[in-house]
Amino acid sequence: TNVSVSLSDSRVSRPTDVTIRYTTATTLDAPSLRRNLLIATFGGLAM
């Protein structure tokens, strides 16, 4: 929930900070093998 992705500069062909926000629903930890804090693919951005 509360998921958002915002750009500090949304103009074309510009360097930009990418700020990602979200609220988890499930606990993440190593013993449960639930460890990936985020796996994501972003369109329109070259990293």
All heavy atoms as atom14 arrays in JSON, in Angstrom:
{
  "sequence": "TNVSVSLSDSRVSRPTDVTIRYTTATTLDAPSLRRNLLIATFGGLAM",
  "atom14_mask": [
    [1, 1, 1, 1, 1, 1, 1, 0, 0, 0, 0, 0, 0, 0],
    [1, 1, 1, 1, 1, 1, 1, 1, 0, 0, 0, 0, 0, 0],
    [1, 1, 1, 1, 1, 1, 1, 0, 0, 0, 0, 0, 0, 0],
    [1, 1, 1, 1, 1, 1, 0, 0, 0, 0, 0, 0, 0, 0],
    [1, 1, 1, 1, 1, 1, 1, 0, 0, 0, 0, 0, 0, 0],
    [1, 1, 1, 1, 1, 1, 0, 0, 0, 0, 0, 0, 0, 0],
    [1, 1, 1, 1, 1, 1, 1, 1, 0, 0, 0, 0, 0, 0],
    [1, 1, 1, 1, 1, 1, 0, 0, 0, 0, 0, 0, 0, 0],
    [1, 1, 1, 1, 1, 1, 1, 1, 0, 0, 0, 0, 0, 0],
    [1, 1, 1, 1, 1, 1, 0, 0, 0, 0, 0, 0, 0, 0],
    [1, 1, 1, 1, 1, 1, 1, 1, 1, 1, 1, 0, 0, 0],
    [1, 1, 1, 1, 1, 1, 1, 0, 0, 0, 0, 0, 0, 0],
    [1, 1, 1, 1, 1, 1, 0, 0, 0, 0, 0, 0, 0, 0],
    [1, 1, 1, 1, 1, 1, 1, 1, 1, 1, 1, 0, 0, 0],
    [1, 1, 1, 1, 1, 1, 1, 0, 0, 0, 0, 0, 0, 0],
    [1, 1, 1, 1, 1, 1, 1, 0, 0, 0, 0, 0, 0, 0],
    [1, 1, 1, 1, 1, 1, 1, 1, 0, 0, 0, 0, 0, 0],
    [1, 1, 1, 1, 1, 1, 1, 0, 0, 0, 0, 0, 0, 0],
    [1, 1, 1, 1, 1, 1, 1, 0, 0, 0, 0, 0, 0, 0],
    [1, 1, 1, 1, 1, 1, 1, 1, 0, 0, 0, 0, 0, 0],
    [1, 1, 1, 1, 1, 1, 1, 1, 1, 1, 1, 0, 0, 0],
    [1, 1, 1, 1, 1, 1, 1, 1, 1, 1, 1, 1, 0, 0],
    [1, 1, 1, 1, 1, 1, 1, 0, 0, 0, 0, 0, 0, 0],
    [1, 1, 1, 1, 1, 1, 1, 0, 0, 0, 0, 0, 0, 0],
    [1, 1, 1, 1, 1, 0, 0, 0, 0, 0, 0, 0, 0, 0],
    [1, 1, 1, 1, 1, 1, 1, 0, 0, 0, 0, 0, 0, 0],
    [1, 1, 1, 1, 1, 1, 1, 0, 0, 0, 0, 0, 0, 0],
    [1, 1, 1, 1, 1, 1, 1, 1, 0, 0, 0, 0, 0, 0],
    [1, 1, 1, 1, 1, 1, 1, 1, 0, 0, 0, 0, 0, 0],
    [1, 1, 1, 1, 1, 0, 0, 0, 0, 0, 0, 0, 0, 0],
    [1, 1, 1, 1, 1, 1, 1, 0, 0, 0, 0, 0, 0, 0],
    [1, 1, 1, 1, 1, 1, 0, 0, 0, 0, 0, 0, 0, 0],
    [1, 1, 1, 1, 1, 1, 1, 1, 0, 0, 0, 0, 0, 0],
    [1, 1, 1, 1, 1, 1, 1, 1, 1, 1, 1, 0, 0, 0],
    [1, 1, 1, 1, 1, 1, 1, 1, 1, 1, 1, 0, 0, 0],
    [1, 1, 1, 1, 1, 1, 1, 1, 0, 0, 0, 0, 0, 0],
    [1, 1, 1, 1, 1, 1, 1, 1, 0, 0, 0, 0, 0, 0],
    [1, 1, 1, 1, 1, 1, 1, 1, 0, 0, 0, 0, 0, 0],
    [1, 1, 1, 1, 1, 1, 1, 1, 0, 0, 0, 0, 0, 0],
    [1, 1, 1, 1, 1, 0, 0, 0, 0, 0, 0, 0, 0, 0],
    [1, 1, 1, 1, 1, 1, 1, 0, 0, 0, 0, 0, 0, 0],
    [1, 1, 1, 1, 1, 1, 1, 1, 1, 1, 1, 0, 0, 0],
    [1, 1, 1, 1, 0, 0, 0, 0, 0, 0, 0, 0, 0, 0],
    [1, 1, 1, 1, 0, 0, 0, 0, 0, 0, 0, 0, 0, 0],
    [1, 1, 1, 1, 1, 1, 1, 1, 0, 0, 0, 0, 0, 0],
    [1, 1, 1, 1, 1, 0, 0, 0, 0, 0, 0, 0, 0, 0],
    [1, 1, 1, 1, 1, 1, 1, 1, 0, 0, 0, 0, 0, 0]
  ],
  "atom14_positions": [
    [[0.84, -1.2, 0.0], [0.0, 0.0, 0.0], [0.87, 1.25, 0.0], [2.09, 1.18, 0.17], [-0.93, 0.01, 1.23], [-0.14, -0.15, 2.41], [-1.94, -1.14, 1.15], [0.0, 0.0, 0.0], [0.0, 0.0, 0.0], [0.0, 0.0, 0.0], [0.0, 0.0, 0.0], [0.0, 0.0, 0.0], [0.0, 0.0, 0.0], [0.0, 0.0, 0.0]],
    [[0.22, 2.4, -0.18], [0.92, 3.69, -0.21], [2.07, 3.67, -1.21], [3.15, 4.21, -0.95], [1.45, 4.05, 1.18], [0.37, 4.04, 2.24], [-0.7, 4.59, 2.03], [0.63, 3.41, 3.38], [0.0, 0.0, 0.0], [0.0, 0.0, 0.0], [0.0, 0.0, 0.0], [0.0, 0.0, 0.0], [0.0, 0.0, 0.0], [0.0, 0.0, 0.0]],
    [[1.82, 3.04, -2.34], [2.87, 2.86, -3.35], [2.98, 4.09, -4.25], [1.98, 4.6, -4.76], [2.58, 1.61, -4.2], [3.63, 1.46, -5.3], [2.52, 0.37, -3.33], [0.0, 0.0, 0.0], [0.0, 0.0, 0.0], [0.0, 0.0, 0.0], [0.0, 0.0, 0.0], [0.0, 0.0, 0.0], [0.0, 0.0, 0.0], [0.0, 0.0, 0.0]],
    [[4.2, 4.58, -4.43], [4.42, 5.7, -5.35], [5.84, 5.67, -5.87], [6.75, 5.16, -5.23], [4.15, 7.04, -4.66], [5.12, 7.3, -3.67], [0.0, 0.0, 0.0], [0.0, 0.0, 0.0], [0.0, 0.0, 0.0], [0.0, 0.0, 0.0], [0.0, 0.0, 0.0], [0.0, 0.0, 0.0], [0.0, 0.0, 0.0], [0.0, 0.0, 0.0]],
    [[6.01, 6.21, -7.07], [7.33, 6.43, -7.65], [7.33, 7.86, -8.17], [6.47, 8.24, -8.98], [7.61, 5.45, -8.81], [8.94, 5.8, -9.49], [7.64, 4.02, -8.31], [0.0, 0.0, 0.0], [0.0, 0.0, 0.0], [0.0, 0.0, 0.0], [0.0, 0.0, 0.0], [0.0, 0.0, 0.0], [0.0, 0.0, 0.0], [0.0, 0.0, 0.0]],
    [[8.25, 8.68, -7.68], [8.3, 10.08, -8.12], [9.69, 10.43, -8.62], [10.69, 9.86, -8.18], [7.89, 11.02, -6.97], [8.73, 10.83, -5.85], [0.0, 0.0, 0.0], [0.0, 0.0, 0.0], [0.0, 0.0, 0.0], [0.0, 0.0, 0.0], [0.0, 0.0, 0.0], [0.0, 0.0, 0.0], [0.0, 0.0, 0.0], [0.0, 0.0, 0.0]],
    [[9.73, 11.36, -9.57], [10.97, 11.8, -10.19], [11.26, 13.24, -9.78], [10.36, 14.08, -9.76], [10.86, 11.72, -11.71], [10.33, 10.4, -12.31], [10.25, 10.52, -13.82], [11.18, 9.23, -11.89], [0.0, 0.0, 0.0], [0.0, 0.0, 0.0], [0.0, 0.0, 0.0], [0.0, 0.0, 0.0], [0.0, 0.0, 0.0], [0.0, 0.0, 0.0]],
    [[12.52, 13.54, -9.47], [12.87, 14.91, -9.1], [12.88, 15.82, -10.33], [12.69, 17.02, -10.22], [14.24, 14.95, -8.42], [15.26, 14.5, -9.31], [0.0, 0.0, 0.0], [0.0, 0.0, 0.0], [0.0, 0.0, 0.0], [0.0, 0.0, 0.0], [0.0, 0.0, 0.0], [0.0, 0.0, 0.0], [0.0, 0.0, 0.0], [0.0, 0.0, 0.0]],
    [[13.09, 15.24, -11.5], [13.04, 15.99, -12.76], [12.34, 15.12, -13.79], [12.91, 14.12, -14.25], [14.44, 16.37, -13.23], [14.43, 17.38, -14.37], [13.4, 17.5, -15.06], [15.46, 18.07, -14.58], [0.0, 0.0, 0.0], [0.0, 0.0, 0.0], [0.0, 0.0, 0.0], [0.0, 0.0, 0.0], [0.0, 0.0, 0.0], [0.0, 0.0, 0.0]],
    [[11.11, 15.47, -14.13], [10.32, 14.63, -15.03], [10.41, 15.07, -16.48], [9.66, 14.57, -17.32], [8.85, 14.64, -14.58], [8.34, 15.96, -14.61], [0.0, 0.0, 0.0], [0.0, 0.0, 0.0], [0.0, 0.0, 0.0], [0.0, 0.0, 0.0], [0.0, 0.0, 0.0], [0.0, 0.0, 0.0], [0.0, 0.0, 0.0], [0.0, 0.0, 0.0]],
    [[11.33, 15.98, -16.79], [11.52, 16.37, -18.18], [12.28, 15.29, -18.95], [13.0, 14.5, -18.36], [12.27, 17.7, -18.25], [11.48, 18.89, -17.67], [12.32, 20.14, -17.59], [13.4, 20.01, -16.64], [14.32, 20.95, -16.43], [14.31, 22.07, -17.13], [15.28, 20.75, -15.52], [0.0, 0.0, 0.0], [0.0, 0.0, 0.0], [0.0, 0.0, 0.0]],
    [[12.11, 15.28, -20.26], [12.77, 14.27, -21.09], [14.28, 14.44, -21.07], [14.79, 15.56, -20.94], [12.26, 14.32, -22.55], [10.78, 13.96, -22.62], [12.5, 15.68, -23.18], [0.0, 0.0, 0.0], [0.0, 0.0, 0.0], [0.0, 0.0, 0.0], [0.0, 0.0, 0.0], [0.0, 0.0, 0.0], [0.0, 0.0, 0.0], [0.0, 0.0, 0.0]],
    [[14.97, 13.32, -21.16], [16.44, 13.29, -21.29], [17.16, 14.05, -20.18], [18.13, 14.76, -20.42], [16.87, 13.85, -22.66], [16.26, 13.13, -23.71], [0.0, 0.0, 0.0], [0.0, 0.0, 0.0], [0.0, 0.0, 0.0], [0.0, 0.0, 0.0], [0.0, 0.0, 0.0], [0.0, 0.0, 0.0], [0.0, 0.0, 0.0], [0.0, 0.0, 0.0]],
    [[16.68, 13.87, -18.94], [17.27, 14.57, -17.8], [17.71, 13.59, -16.72], [17.03, 12.58, -16.47], [16.24, 15.52, -17.18], [15.81, 16.65, -18.09], [16.86, 17.72, -18.17], [16.42, 18.84, -18.99], [16.81, 20.08, -18.83], [17.66, 20.38, -17.86], [16.37, 21.04, -19.62], [0.0, 0.0, 0.0], [0.0, 0.0, 0.0], [0.0, 0.0, 0.0]],
    [[18.83, 13.86, -16.05], [19.16, 13.08, -14.85], [18.07, 13.32, -13.8], [17.58, 14.45, -13.66], [20.5, 13.66, -14.4], [21.03, 14.39, -15.59], [19.85, 14.89, -16.34], [0.0, 0.0, 0.0], [0.0, 0.0, 0.0], [0.0, 0.0, 0.0], [0.0, 0.0, 0.0], [0.0, 0.0, 0.0], [0.0, 0.0, 0.0], [0.0, 0.0, 0.0]],
    [[17.69, 12.3, -13.08], [16.64, 12.46, -12.09], [16.81, 11.51, -10.91], [17.24, 10.38, -11.08], [15.25, 12.23, -12.72], [14.23, 12.43, -11.73], [15.12, 10.8, -13.26], [0.0, 0.0, 0.0], [0.0, 0.0, 0.0], [0.0, 0.0, 0.0], [0.0, 0.0, 0.0], [0.0, 0.0, 0.0], [0.0, 0.0, 0.0], [0.0, 0.0, 0.0]],
    [[16.51, 12.01, -9.71], [16.38, 11.12, -8.56], [15.08, 10.35, -8.72], [14.08, 10.89, -9.23], [16.3, 11.92, -7.25], [17.6, 12.63, -6.91], [18.65, 12.25, -7.46], [17.56, 13.55, -6.08], [0.0, 0.0, 0.0], [0.0, 0.0, 0.0], [0.0, 0.0, 0.0], [0.0, 0.0, 0.0], [0.0, 0.0, 0.0], [0.0, 0.0, 0.0]],
    [[15.07, 9.11, -8.3], [13.85, 8.3, -8.29], [13.54, 7.93, -6.85], [14.35, 7.27, -6.2], [14.02, 7.02, -9.14], [12.73, 6.2, -9.12], [14.4, 7.37, -10.58], [0.0, 0.0, 0.0], [0.0, 0.0, 0.0], [0.0, 0.0, 0.0], [0.0, 0.0, 0.0], [0.0, 0.0, 0.0], [0.0, 0.0, 0.0], [0.0, 0.0, 0.0]],
    [[12.41, 8.38, -6.36], [12.01, 8.09, -4.99], [10.86, 7.08, -5.0], [9.81, 7.34, -5.59], [11.57, 9.36, -4.24], [12.65, 10.3, -4.24], [11.18, 9.05, -2.8], [0.0, 0.0, 0.0], [0.0, 0.0, 0.0], [0.0, 0.0, 0.0], [0.0, 0.0, 0.0], [0.0, 0.0, 0.0], [0.0, 0.0, 0.0], [0.0, 0.0, 0.0]],
    [[11.1, 5.94, -4.36], [10.14, 4.83, -4.33], [9.61, 4.7, -2.91], [10.4, 4.64, -1.96], [10.82, 3.52, -4.76], [11.5, 3.68, -6.13], [9.83, 2.35, -4.75], [12.6, 2.68, -6.38], [0.0, 0.0, 0.0], [0.0, 0.0, 0.0], [0.0, 0.0, 0.0], [0.0, 0.0, 0.0], [0.0, 0.0, 0.0], [0.0, 0.0, 0.0]],
    [[8.31, 4.65, -2.75], [7.72, 4.49, -1.42], [6.65, 3.41, -1.44], [5.91, 3.29, -2.42], [7.1, 5.8, -0.93], [8.09, 6.93, -0.7], [7.41, 8.14, -0.07], [8.35, 9.22, 0.19], [8.57, 10.24, -0.63], [7.91, 10.3, -1.78], [9.44, 11.19, -0.32], [0.0, 0.0, 0.0], [0.0, 0.0, 0.0], [0.0, 0.0, 0.0]],
    [[6.56, 2.66, -0.36], [5.5, 1.68, -0.2], [5.45, 1.21, 1.25], [6.4, 1.41, 2.02], [5.68, 0.49, -1.15], [6.99, -0.25, -1.0], [7.12, -1.33, -0.13], [8.11, 0.12, -1.74], [8.32, -2.0, 0.01], [9.31, -0.54, -1.61], [9.41, -1.61, -0.74], [10.61, -2.27, -0.61], [0.0, 0.0, 0.0], [0.0, 0.0, 0.0]],
    [[4.34, 0.58, 1.62], [4.17, -0.01, 2.94], [4.01, -1.51, 2.78], [3.17, -1.97, 2.0], [2.94, 0.58, 3.66], [3.09, 2.0, 3.75], [2.79, 0.0, 5.06], [0.0, 0.0, 0.0], [0.0, 0.0, 0.0], [0.0, 0.0, 0.0], [0.0, 0.0, 0.0], [0.0, 0.0, 0.0], [0.0, 0.0, 0.0], [0.0, 0.0, 0.0]],
    [[4.82, -2.28, 3.49], [4.78, -3.74, 3.38], [3.55, -4.32, 4.07], [3.02, -3.74, 5.01], [6.04, -4.37, 4.01], [6.08, -4.02, 5.4], [7.3, -3.88, 3.32], [0.0, 0.0, 0.0], [0.0, 0.0, 0.0], [0.0, 0.0, 0.0], [0.0, 0.0, 0.0], [0.0, 0.0, 0.0], [0.0, 0.0, 0.0], [0.0, 0.0, 0.0]],
    [[3.14, -5.48, 3.6], [2.04, -6.2, 4.25], [2.54, -7.45, 4.96], [1.88, -7.97, 5.86], [0.98, -6.59, 3.22], [0.0, 0.0, 0.0], [0.0, 0.0, 0.0], [0.0, 0.0, 0.0], [0.0, 0.0, 0.0], [0.0, 0.0, 0.0], [0.0, 0.0, 0.0], [0.0, 0.0, 0.0], [0.0, 0.0, 0.0], [0.0, 0.0, 0.0]],
    [[3.72, -7.94, 4.55], [4.27, -9.18, 5.08], [5.69, -8.94, 5.59], [6.47, -8.21, 4.97], [4.31, -10.26, 3.97], [3.0, -10.41, 3.42], [4.78, -11.59, 4.52], [0.0, 0.0, 0.0], [0.0, 0.0, 0.0], [0.0, 0.0, 0.0], [0.0, 0.0, 0.0], [0.0, 0.0, 0.0], [0.0, 0.0, 0.0], [0.0, 0.0, 0.0]],
    [[6.02, -9.54, 6.73], [7.37, -9.42, 7.29], [8.4, -10.05, 6.36], [8.17, -11.13, 5.8], [7.43, -10.09, 8.68], [6.55, -9.39, 9.56], [8.84, -10.06, 9.24], [0.0, 0.0, 0.0], [0.0, 0.0, 0.0], [0.0, 0.0, 0.0], [0.0, 0.0, 0.0], [0.0, 0.0, 0.0], [0.0, 0.0, 0.0], [0.0, 0.0, 0.0]],
    [[9.53, -9.39, 6.2], [10.63, -9.9, 5.38], [11.8, -10.23, 6.3], [12.19, -9.43, 7.13], [11.08, -8.85, 4.36], [9.99, -8.29, 3.42], [10.57, -7.18, 2.57], [9.41, -9.39, 2.55], [0.0, 0.0, 0.0], [0.0, 0.0, 0.0], [0.0, 0.0, 0.0], [0.0, 0.0, 0.0], [0.0, 0.0, 0.0], [0.0, 0.0, 0.0]],
    [[12.35, -11.44, 6.16], [13.55, -11.83, 6.91], [14.18, -13.04, 6.26], [13.58, -13.7, 5.41], [13.25, -12.09, 8.39], [12.2, -13.14, 8.62], [12.05, -14.05, 7.76], [11.51, -13.08, 9.65], [0.0, 0.0, 0.0], [0.0, 0.0, 0.0], [0.0, 0.0, 0.0], [0.0, 0.0, 0.0], [0.0, 0.0, 0.0], [0.0, 0.0, 0.0]],
    [[15.42, -13.34, 6.65], [16.17, -14.44, 6.05], [15.62, -15.82, 6.39], [15.52, -16.67, 5.49], [17.64, -14.34, 6.43], [0.0, 0.0, 0.0], [0.0, 0.0, 0.0], [0.0, 0.0, 0.0], [0.0, 0.0, 0.0], [0.0, 0.0, 0.0], [0.0, 0.0, 0.0], [0.0, 0.0, 0.0], [0.0, 0.0, 0.0], [0.0, 0.0, 0.0]],
    [[15.25, -16.11, 7.66], [14.78, -17.46, 7.98], [13.57, -17.91, 7.16], [13.43, -19.09, 6.85], [14.44, -17.36, 9.48], [15.31, -16.27, 9.98], [15.39, -15.28, 8.87], [0.0, 0.0, 0.0], [0.0, 0.0, 0.0], [0.0, 0.0, 0.0], [0.0, 0.0, 0.0], [0.0, 0.0, 0.0], [0.0, 0.0, 0.0], [0.0, 0.0, 0.0]],
    [[12.7, -16.96, 6.82], [11.5, -17.3, 6.06], [11.76, -17.36, 4.56], [10.87, -17.72, 3.79], [10.41, -16.27, 6.33], [10.78, -15.01, 5.79], [0.0, 0.0, 0.0], [0.0, 0.0, 0.0], [0.0, 0.0, 0.0], [0.0, 0.0, 0.0], [0.0, 0.0, 0.0], [0.0, 0.0, 0.0], [0.0, 0.0, 0.0], [0.0, 0.0, 0.0]],
    [[12.98, -16.98, 4.15], [13.36, -16.85, 2.74], [12.61, -15.72, 2.05], [12.62, -15.61, 0.83], [13.13, -18.17, 1.97], [13.89, -19.39, 2.48], [13.62, -20.6, 1.59], [15.4, -19.12, 2.55], [0.0, 0.0, 0.0], [0.0, 0.0, 0.0], [0.0, 0.0, 0.0], [0.0, 0.0, 0.0], [0.0, 0.0, 0.0], [0.0, 0.0, 0.0]],
    [[11.96, -14.86, 2.84], [11.3, -13.67, 2.3], [12.27, -12.51, 2.48], [12.22, -11.8, 3.47], [9.98, -13.41, 3.04], [8.99, -14.56, 2.99], [7.7, -14.15, 3.69], [6.75, -15.24, 3.72], [6.5, -15.99, 4.8], [7.13, -15.74, 5.94], [5.62, -16.96, 4.75], [0.0, 0.0, 0.0], [0.0, 0.0, 0.0], [0.0, 0.0, 0.0]],
    [[13.16, -12.34, 1.52], [14.25, -11.37, 1.73], [14.32, -10.25, 0.71], [15.04, -9.28, 0.93], [15.59, -12.11, 1.74], [15.8, -12.97, 2.95], [17.28, -13.28, 3.13], [17.84, -14.0, 1.99], [19.14, -14.21, 1.81], [20.01, -13.71, 2.67], [19.58, -14.89, 0.78], [0.0, 0.0, 0.0], [0.0, 0.0, 0.0], [0.0, 0.0, 0.0]],
    [[13.61, -10.36, -0.39], [13.74, -9.32, -1.42], [12.89, -8.12, -1.05], [11.66, -8.15, -1.12], [13.35, -9.87, -2.79], [14.44, -10.74, -3.38], [15.52, -10.26, -3.72], [14.18, -12.03, -3.48], [0.0, 0.0, 0.0], [0.0, 0.0, 0.0], [0.0, 0.0, 0.0], [0.0, 0.0, 0.0], [0.0, 0.0, 0.0], [0.0, 0.0, 0.0]],
    [[13.58, -7.06, -0.63], [12.91, -5.83, -0.23], [12.19, -5.2, -1.41], [11.14, -4.58, -1.26], [13.95, -4.86, 0.34], [13.46, -3.56, 0.97], [12.56, -3.86, 2.17], [14.65, -2.71, 1.4], [0.0, 0.0, 0.0], [0.0, 0.0, 0.0], [0.0, 0.0, 0.0], [0.0, 0.0, 0.0], [0.0, 0.0, 0.0], [0.0, 0.0, 0.0]],
    [[12.74, -5.37, -2.6], [12.07, -4.91, -3.82], [12.72, -5.53, -5.04], [13.94, -5.58, -5.15], [12.15, -3.38, -3.94], [11.42, -2.78, -5.16], [9.9, -2.97, -5.02], [11.75, -1.32, -5.34], [0.0, 0.0, 0.0], [0.0, 0.0, 0.0], [0.0, 0.0, 0.0], [0.0, 0.0, 0.0], [0.0, 0.0, 0.0], [0.0, 0.0, 0.0]],
    [[11.87, -6.01, -5.93], [12.28, -6.36, -7.29], [11.37, -5.55, -8.19], [10.14, -5.61, -8.08], [12.1, -7.87, -7.58], [13.06, -8.7, -6.71], [12.34, -8.17, -9.05], [12.91, -10.21, -6.88], [0.0, 0.0, 0.0], [0.0, 0.0, 0.0], [0.0, 0.0, 0.0], [0.0, 0.0, 0.0], [0.0, 0.0, 0.0], [0.0, 0.0, 0.0]],
    [[11.95, -4.74, -9.07], [11.12, -3.85, -9.88], [11.77, -3.56, -11.23], [12.99, -3.65, -11.39], [10.87, -2.54, -9.14], [0.0, 0.0, 0.0], [0.0, 0.0, 0.0], [0.0, 0.0, 0.0], [0.0, 0.0, 0.0], [0.0, 0.0, 0.0], [0.0, 0.0, 0.0], [0.0, 0.0, 0.0], [0.0, 0.0, 0.0], [0.0, 0.0, 0.0]],
    [[10.92, -3.23, -12.2], [11.35, -2.81, -13.53], [10.66, -1.49, -13.83], [9.43, -1.39, -13.71], [10.96, -3.85, -14.6], [11.55, -5.11, -14.27], [11.44, -3.43, -15.98], [0.0, 0.0, 0.0], [0.0, 0.0, 0.0], [0.0, 0.0, 0.0], [0.0, 0.0, 0.0], [0.0, 0.0, 0.0], [0.0, 0.0, 0.0], [0.0, 0.0, 0.0]],
    [[11.43, -0.47, -14.23], [10.89, 0.86, -14.43], [10.93, 1.27, -15.9], [11.99, 1.3, -16.51], [11.67, 1.88, -13.6], [11.58, 1.62, -12.12], [12.62, 1.0, -11.45], [10.47, 1.98, -11.41], [12.55, 0.76, -10.09], [10.37, 1.74, -10.05], [11.41, 1.12, -9.39], [0.0, 0.0, 0.0], [0.0, 0.0, 0.0], [0.0, 0.0, 0.0]],
    [[9.77, 1.59, -16.45], [9.71, 2.07, -17.82], [10.13, 3.52, -17.93], [9.98, 4.3, -16.98], [0.0, 0.0, 0.0], [0.0, 0.0, 0.0], [0.0, 0.0, 0.0], [0.0, 0.0, 0.0], [0.0, 0.0, 0.0], [0.0, 0.0, 0.0], [0.0, 0.0, 0.0], [0.0, 0.0, 0.0], [0.0, 0.0, 0.0], [0.0, 0.0, 0.0]],
    [[10.67, 3.91, -19.06], [11.01, 5.3, -19.31], [12.25, 5.82, -18.61], [12.55, 7.01, -18.68], [0.0, 0.0, 0.0], [0.0, 0.0, 0.0], [0.0, 0.0, 0.0], [0.0, 0.0, 0.0], [0.0, 0.0, 0.0], [0.0, 0.0, 0.0], [0.0, 0.0, 0.0], [0.0, 0.0, 0.0], [0.0, 0.0, 0.0], [0.0, 0.0, 0.0]],
    [[12.99, 4.92, -17.95], [14.18, 5.34, -17.22], [15.37, 4.49, -17.66], [15.24, 3.28, -17.84], [13.99, 5.18, -15.71], [12.83, 5.95, -15.09], [12.71, 5.61, -13.61], [13.0, 7.46, -15.28], [0.0, 0.0, 0.0], [0.0, 0.0, 0.0], [0.0, 0.0, 0.0], [0.0, 0.0, 0.0], [0.0, 0.0, 0.0], [0.0, 0.0, 0.0]],
    [[16.51, 5.12, -17.84], [17.75, 4.41, -18.15], [18.66, 4.51, -16.95], [19.0, 5.62, -16.51], [18.42, 5.01, -19.38], [0.0, 0.0, 0.0], [0.0, 0.0, 0.0], [0.0, 0.0, 0.0], [0.0, 0.0, 0.0], [0.0, 0.0, 0.0], [0.0, 0.0, 0.0], [0.0, 0.0, 0.0], [0.0, 0.0, 0.0], [0.0, 0.0, 0.0]],
    [[19.04, 3.35, -16.37], [19.85, 3.33, -15.16], [21.23, 2.73, -15.44], [21.36, 1.8, -16.22], [19.15, 2.5, -14.08], [17.79, 3.02, -13.69], [17.06, 2.01, -12.37], [15.52, 2.9, -12.08], [0.0, 0.0, 0.0], [0.0, 0.0, 0.0], [0.0, 0.0, 0.0], [0.0, 0.0, 0.0], [0.0, 0.0, 0.0], [0.0, 0.0, 0.0]]
  ]
}
